[in-house]
Amino acid sequence: MDKAIEAYFASVPEVRKQIVNALHNLIVGLYPKASVDMRYKMPTYLFGDGWVALANQKHYVSLYTCGYHHIAEFKEKHPKIKAGKGCINFMPGDQLPLQDLKAVVKHAITQPKGQ
């Protein structure tokens, strides 16, 4: 892993480290050949034309997909988990619905334009 990415993960506060690690492992588990770089100043996972990114925010961790269509079903199933237009925000203590997150990541990677 790139030193900048390693430094980013090392800088995540302990209270959010478990979330970041779980999301990272989920993405890499689904797409082990994805390239990872620091686009947009956050770890960004690229595979084909699709991508997702992780960001350690001040009080939560975000999974970015850059499109509402990638997370619409997730938002419907999990209305208590905060989400934006194309991102999902996880607070410390949130349960990560891993099966549904796999679907989000797969959709963002395989259907980047919203097909």
N, C-alpha and C. Protein backbone atom coordinates (compact mmCIF):
# COMPACT_ATOMS: atom_id res chain seq x y z
N MET A 1 0.85 -1.18 0.00
CA MET A 1 0.00 0.00 0.00
C MET A 1 0.89 1.24 0.00
N ASP A 2 0.48 2.23 -0.71
CA ASP A 2 1.17 3.51 -0.83
C ASP A 2 1.36 4.15 0.54
N LYS A 3 2.49 4.82 0.73
CA LYS A 3 2.79 5.45 2.04
C LYS A 3 1.76 6.50 2.44
N ALA A 4 1.26 7.25 1.47
CA ALA A 4 0.25 8.27 1.77
C ALA A 4 -1.03 7.62 2.27
N ILE A 5 -1.38 6.49 1.69
CA ILE A 5 -2.59 5.78 2.11
C ILE A 5 -2.37 5.17 3.49
N GLU A 6 -1.20 4.59 3.70
CA GLU A 6 -0.88 4.04 5.02
C GLU A 6 -0.95 5.14 6.09
N ALA A 7 -0.40 6.31 5.77
CA ALA A 7 -0.42 7.43 6.71
C ALA A 7 -1.86 7.88 6.99
N TYR A 8 -2.68 7.88 5.97
CA TYR A 8 -4.09 8.26 6.14
C TYR A 8 -4.77 7.31 7.12
N PHE A 9 -4.63 6.01 6.89
CA PHE A 9 -5.25 5.03 7.78
C PHE A 9 -4.68 5.13 9.19
N ALA A 10 -3.39 5.38 9.31
CA ALA A 10 -2.77 5.49 10.64
C ALA A 10 -3.28 6.71 11.39
N SER A 11 -3.71 7.74 10.65
CA SER A 11 -4.16 8.98 11.30
C SER A 11 -5.61 8.92 11.77
N VAL A 12 -6.34 7.89 11.39
CA VAL A 12 -7.75 7.78 11.78
C VAL A 12 -7.83 7.56 13.30
N PRO A 13 -8.61 8.38 14.00
CA PRO A 13 -8.74 8.19 15.45
C PRO A 13 -9.31 6.80 15.78
N GLU A 14 -8.88 6.29 16.89
CA GLU A 14 -9.26 4.95 17.32
C GLU A 14 -10.78 4.74 17.30
N VAL A 15 -11.53 5.77 17.64
CA VAL A 15 -13.00 5.66 17.73
C VAL A 15 -13.64 5.35 16.37
N ARG A 16 -12.95 5.69 15.26
CA ARG A 16 -13.49 5.44 13.92
C ARG A 16 -12.67 4.42 13.13
N LYS A 17 -11.57 3.96 13.69
CA LYS A 17 -10.66 3.06 12.98
C LYS A 17 -11.34 1.74 12.58
N GLN A 18 -12.18 1.20 13.44
CA GLN A 18 -12.85 -0.06 13.14
C GLN A 18 -13.75 0.07 11.91
N ILE A 19 -14.44 1.19 11.80
CA ILE A 19 -15.32 1.43 10.64
C ILE A 19 -14.48 1.53 9.36
N VAL A 20 -13.42 2.32 9.40
CA VAL A 20 -12.57 2.50 8.22
C VAL A 20 -11.97 1.16 7.80
N ASN A 21 -11.47 0.40 8.75
CA ASN A 21 -10.87 -0.89 8.42
C ASN A 21 -11.90 -1.86 7.85
N ALA A 22 -13.10 -1.88 8.42
CA ALA A 22 -14.14 -2.78 7.92
C ALA A 22 -14.53 -2.42 6.49
N LEU A 23 -14.69 -1.13 6.21
CA LEU A 23 -15.05 -0.71 4.86
C LEU A 23 -13.92 -0.99 3.87
N HIS A 24 -12.70 -0.71 4.28
CA HIS A 24 -11.53 -1.00 3.43
C HIS A 24 -11.49 -2.49 3.09
N ASN A 25 -11.62 -3.34 4.12
CA ASN A 25 -11.56 -4.79 3.90
C ASN A 25 -12.71 -5.26 3.02
N LEU A 26 -13.88 -4.68 3.17
CA LEU A 26 -15.02 -5.04 2.33
C LEU A 26 -14.72 -4.72 0.86
N ILE A 27 -14.23 -3.51 0.60
CA ILE A 27 -13.95 -3.09 -0.78
C ILE A 27 -12.85 -3.93 -1.40
N VAL A 28 -11.76 -4.11 -0.67
CA VAL A 28 -10.63 -4.88 -1.19
C VAL A 28 -11.02 -6.36 -1.34
N GLY A 29 -11.87 -6.85 -0.46
CA GLY A 29 -12.35 -8.22 -0.59
C GLY A 29 -13.17 -8.43 -1.85
N LEU A 30 -13.97 -7.44 -2.21
CA LEU A 30 -14.78 -7.53 -3.42
C LEU A 30 -13.95 -7.28 -4.68
N TYR A 31 -13.00 -6.37 -4.60
CA TYR A 31 -12.21 -5.97 -5.76
C TYR A 31 -10.72 -5.94 -5.40
N PRO A 32 -10.12 -7.12 -5.24
CA PRO A 32 -8.71 -7.17 -4.84
C PRO A 32 -7.76 -6.54 -5.86
N LYS A 33 -8.19 -6.44 -7.11
CA LYS A 33 -7.34 -5.85 -8.14
C LYS A 33 -7.61 -4.36 -8.35
N ALA A 34 -8.46 -3.78 -7.53
CA ALA A 34 -8.72 -2.34 -7.63
C ALA A 34 -7.45 -1.57 -7.29
N SER A 35 -7.23 -0.49 -7.99
CA SER A 35 -6.11 0.38 -7.62
C SER A 35 -6.62 1.33 -6.54
N VAL A 36 -5.72 1.69 -5.64
CA VAL A 36 -6.08 2.58 -4.54
C VAL A 36 -5.12 3.76 -4.59
N ASP A 37 -5.68 4.95 -4.63
CA ASP A 37 -4.84 6.14 -4.56
C ASP A 37 -5.51 7.21 -3.71
N MET A 38 -4.86 8.32 -3.59
CA MET A 38 -5.36 9.39 -2.72
C MET A 38 -6.03 10.51 -3.54
N ARG A 39 -6.92 10.14 -4.42
CA ARG A 39 -7.71 11.17 -5.12
C ARG A 39 -8.60 11.87 -4.12
N TYR A 40 -8.84 13.11 -4.35
CA TYR A 40 -9.73 13.89 -3.50
C TYR A 40 -9.29 13.88 -2.04
N LYS A 41 -8.01 13.63 -1.79
CA LYS A 41 -7.41 13.63 -0.44
C LYS A 41 -8.01 12.55 0.46
N MET A 42 -8.46 11.44 -0.15
CA MET A 42 -8.99 10.32 0.61
C MET A 42 -8.72 9.04 -0.18
N PRO A 43 -8.60 7.90 0.50
CA PRO A 43 -8.38 6.65 -0.23
C PRO A 43 -9.54 6.40 -1.21
N THR A 44 -9.17 6.25 -2.47
CA THR A 44 -10.14 6.06 -3.54
C THR A 44 -9.80 4.75 -4.25
N TYR A 45 -10.81 3.91 -4.38
CA TYR A 45 -10.66 2.57 -4.95
C TYR A 45 -11.25 2.60 -6.35
N LEU A 46 -10.39 2.34 -7.34
CA LEU A 46 -10.79 2.42 -8.74
C LEU A 46 -10.73 1.03 -9.38
N PHE A 47 -11.77 0.70 -10.10
CA PHE A 47 -11.81 -0.57 -10.82
C PHE A 47 -12.63 -0.35 -12.07
N GLY A 48 -12.02 -0.51 -13.23
CA GLY A 48 -12.70 -0.18 -14.48
C GLY A 48 -13.07 1.30 -14.47
N ASP A 49 -14.31 1.60 -14.81
CA ASP A 49 -14.77 2.99 -14.81
C ASP A 49 -15.37 3.41 -13.48
N GLY A 50 -15.54 2.46 -12.56
CA GLY A 50 -16.19 2.75 -11.29
C GLY A 50 -15.20 3.07 -10.18
N TRP A 51 -15.73 3.66 -9.12
CA TRP A 51 -14.89 3.97 -7.96
C TRP A 51 -15.76 4.18 -6.73
N VAL A 52 -15.13 4.01 -5.58
CA VAL A 52 -15.68 4.40 -4.29
C VAL A 52 -14.53 4.99 -3.49
N ALA A 53 -14.85 5.75 -2.46
CA ALA A 53 -13.81 6.36 -1.64
C ALA A 53 -14.25 6.35 -0.18
N LEU A 54 -13.26 6.41 0.70
CA LEU A 54 -13.50 6.48 2.15
C LEU A 54 -12.95 7.79 2.66
N ALA A 55 -13.64 8.38 3.62
CA ALA A 55 -13.14 9.61 4.22
C ALA A 55 -13.41 9.60 5.72
N ASN A 56 -12.37 9.88 6.46
CA ASN A 56 -12.49 10.06 7.90
C ASN A 56 -12.88 11.52 8.12
N GLN A 57 -14.10 11.75 8.55
CA GLN A 57 -14.58 13.10 8.82
C GLN A 57 -14.38 13.41 10.30
N LYS A 58 -14.83 14.57 10.72
CA LYS A 58 -14.62 14.98 12.11
C LYS A 58 -15.34 14.07 13.10
N HIS A 59 -16.56 13.63 12.78
CA HIS A 59 -17.34 12.82 13.71
C HIS A 59 -17.84 11.50 13.13
N TYR A 60 -17.51 11.21 11.88
CA TYR A 60 -18.02 10.01 11.24
C TYR A 60 -17.09 9.60 10.10
N VAL A 61 -17.41 8.47 9.49
CA VAL A 61 -16.68 7.97 8.32
C VAL A 61 -17.65 7.94 7.15
N SER A 62 -17.21 8.43 6.01
CA SER A 62 -18.06 8.45 4.82
C SER A 62 -17.59 7.45 3.78
N LEU A 63 -18.56 6.80 3.16
CA LEU A 63 -18.32 5.98 1.98
C LEU A 63 -18.92 6.76 0.82
N TYR A 64 -18.07 7.23 -0.10
CA TYR A 64 -18.51 8.03 -1.24
C TYR A 64 -18.69 7.16 -2.47
N THR A 65 -19.79 7.40 -3.19
CA THR A 65 -20.06 6.68 -4.44
C THR A 65 -20.29 7.63 -5.60
N CYS A 66 -20.47 8.89 -5.33
CA CYS A 66 -20.70 9.93 -6.33
C CYS A 66 -21.99 9.71 -7.12
N GLY A 67 -23.01 9.26 -6.45
CA GLY A 67 -24.28 9.14 -7.15
C GLY A 67 -25.37 8.58 -6.27
N TYR A 68 -26.48 9.30 -6.24
CA TYR A 68 -27.62 8.86 -5.42
C TYR A 68 -28.10 7.48 -5.84
N HIS A 69 -28.05 7.20 -7.13
CA HIS A 69 -28.53 5.93 -7.65
C HIS A 69 -27.78 4.73 -7.06
N HIS A 70 -26.57 4.94 -6.57
CA HIS A 70 -25.80 3.85 -5.97
C HIS A 70 -26.28 3.54 -4.55
N ILE A 71 -26.83 4.52 -3.88
CA ILE A 71 -27.17 4.33 -2.46
C ILE A 71 -28.67 4.38 -2.17
N ALA A 72 -29.49 4.60 -3.18
CA ALA A 72 -30.93 4.77 -2.97
C ALA A 72 -31.55 3.59 -2.23
N GLU A 73 -31.27 2.38 -2.67
CA GLU A 73 -31.84 1.20 -2.02
C GLU A 73 -31.33 1.06 -0.59
N PHE A 74 -30.05 1.36 -0.38
CA PHE A 74 -29.47 1.31 0.96
C PHE A 74 -30.19 2.29 1.88
N LYS A 75 -30.40 3.52 1.41
CA LYS A 75 -31.08 4.54 2.22
C LYS A 75 -32.48 4.11 2.59
N GLU A 76 -33.15 3.46 1.66
CA GLU A 76 -34.51 2.99 1.93
C GLU A 76 -34.51 1.90 3.00
N LYS A 77 -33.54 1.00 2.93
CA LYS A 77 -33.46 -0.11 3.89
C LYS A 77 -32.95 0.33 5.27
N HIS A 78 -32.12 1.39 5.28
CA HIS A 78 -31.46 1.82 6.52
C HIS A 78 -31.65 3.32 6.75
N PRO A 79 -32.88 3.75 7.00
CA PRO A 79 -33.15 5.18 7.13
C PRO A 79 -32.48 5.84 8.34
N LYS A 80 -32.07 5.06 9.32
CA LYS A 80 -31.44 5.63 10.51
C LYS A 80 -29.96 5.93 10.31
N ILE A 81 -29.37 5.40 9.24
CA ILE A 81 -27.97 5.70 8.93
C ILE A 81 -27.95 6.94 8.05
N LYS A 82 -27.22 7.95 8.49
CA LYS A 82 -27.16 9.22 7.78
C LYS A 82 -26.52 9.03 6.40
N ALA A 83 -27.11 9.68 5.41
CA ALA A 83 -26.58 9.61 4.06
C ALA A 83 -26.79 10.94 3.36
N GLY A 84 -25.93 11.20 2.41
CA GLY A 84 -26.06 12.40 1.58
C GLY A 84 -26.56 12.00 0.20
N LYS A 85 -26.23 12.81 -0.79
CA LYS A 85 -26.70 12.55 -2.15
C LYS A 85 -26.01 11.34 -2.77
N GLY A 86 -24.77 11.14 -2.44
CA GLY A 86 -24.03 10.01 -3.01
C GLY A 86 -23.10 9.36 -2.02
N CYS A 87 -23.33 9.62 -0.73
CA CYS A 87 -22.45 9.06 0.29
C CYS A 87 -23.27 8.54 1.48
N ILE A 88 -22.63 7.66 2.21
CA ILE A 88 -23.22 7.12 3.44
C ILE A 88 -22.27 7.46 4.57
N ASN A 89 -22.80 7.96 5.67
CA ASN A 89 -21.98 8.40 6.80
C ASN A 89 -22.21 7.49 8.00
N PHE A 90 -21.13 6.95 8.53
CA PHE A 90 -21.21 6.02 9.66
C PHE A 90 -20.63 6.66 10.91
N MET A 91 -21.45 6.69 11.93
CA MET A 91 -21.03 7.20 13.24
C MET A 91 -20.44 6.05 14.04
N PRO A 92 -19.52 6.37 14.97
CA PRO A 92 -19.05 5.31 15.86
C PRO A 92 -20.25 4.67 16.55
N GLY A 93 -20.27 3.36 16.59
CA GLY A 93 -21.37 2.65 17.20
C GLY A 93 -22.42 2.17 16.20
N ASP A 94 -22.43 2.74 14.97
CA ASP A 94 -23.35 2.26 13.94
C ASP A 94 -22.98 0.82 13.57
N GLN A 95 -24.01 0.00 13.41
CA GLN A 95 -23.81 -1.35 12.88
C GLN A 95 -23.61 -1.21 11.38
N LEU A 96 -22.62 -1.90 10.84
CA LEU A 96 -22.40 -1.85 9.40
C LEU A 96 -23.14 -3.01 8.75
N PRO A 97 -24.19 -2.73 7.99
CA PRO A 97 -24.91 -3.80 7.30
C PRO A 97 -24.09 -4.25 6.08
N LEU A 98 -23.14 -5.14 6.31
CA LEU A 98 -22.13 -5.48 5.32
C LEU A 98 -22.72 -6.01 4.00
N GLN A 99 -23.75 -6.83 4.07
CA GLN A 99 -24.33 -7.35 2.82
C GLN A 99 -24.89 -6.22 1.97
N ASP A 100 -25.57 -5.29 2.60
CA ASP A 100 -26.13 -4.16 1.86
C ASP A 100 -25.04 -3.21 1.38
N LEU A 101 -23.97 -3.09 2.14
CA LEU A 101 -22.84 -2.26 1.70
C LEU A 101 -22.12 -2.90 0.52
N LYS A 102 -22.05 -4.21 0.51
CA LYS A 102 -21.47 -4.90 -0.66
C LYS A 102 -22.25 -4.53 -1.91
N ALA A 103 -23.56 -4.51 -1.79
CA ALA A 103 -24.40 -4.16 -2.94
C ALA A 103 -24.12 -2.72 -3.40
N VAL A 104 -23.93 -1.81 -2.46
CA VAL A 104 -23.63 -0.41 -2.79
C VAL A 104 -22.30 -0.33 -3.54
N VAL A 105 -21.28 -0.97 -3.00
CA VAL A 105 -19.95 -0.92 -3.63
C VAL A 105 -20.00 -1.55 -5.02
N LYS A 106 -20.63 -2.71 -5.15
CA LYS A 106 -20.73 -3.36 -6.46
C LYS A 106 -21.46 -2.48 -7.46
N HIS A 107 -22.52 -1.82 -7.03
CA HIS A 107 -23.28 -0.94 -7.93
C HIS A 107 -22.41 0.23 -8.38
N ALA A 108 -21.69 0.83 -7.45
CA ALA A 108 -20.84 1.98 -7.79
C ALA A 108 -19.71 1.59 -8.74
N ILE A 109 -19.17 0.38 -8.57
CA ILE A 109 -18.07 -0.07 -9.41
C ILE A 109 -18.57 -0.53 -10.78
N THR A 110 -19.65 -1.27 -10.79
CA THR A 110 -20.10 -1.87 -12.06
C THR A 110 -21.05 -0.98 -12.86
N GLN A 111 -21.66 0.00 -12.21
CA GLN A 111 -22.60 0.87 -12.91
C GLN A 111 -22.32 2.34 -12.60
N PRO A 112 -21.11 2.79 -12.91
CA PRO A 112 -20.73 4.15 -12.51
C PRO A 112 -21.59 5.25 -13.10
N LYS A 113 -22.15 5.02 -14.26
CA LYS A 113 -22.96 6.06 -14.91
C LYS A 113 -24.45 5.92 -14.58
N GLY A 114 -24.78 4.91 -13.77
CA GLY A 114 -26.16 4.76 -13.37
C GLY A 114 -27.00 3.94 -14.33
N GLN A 115 -26.36 3.04 -15.05
CA GLN A 115 -27.11 2.19 -15.98
C GLN A 115 -28.10 1.35 -15.21
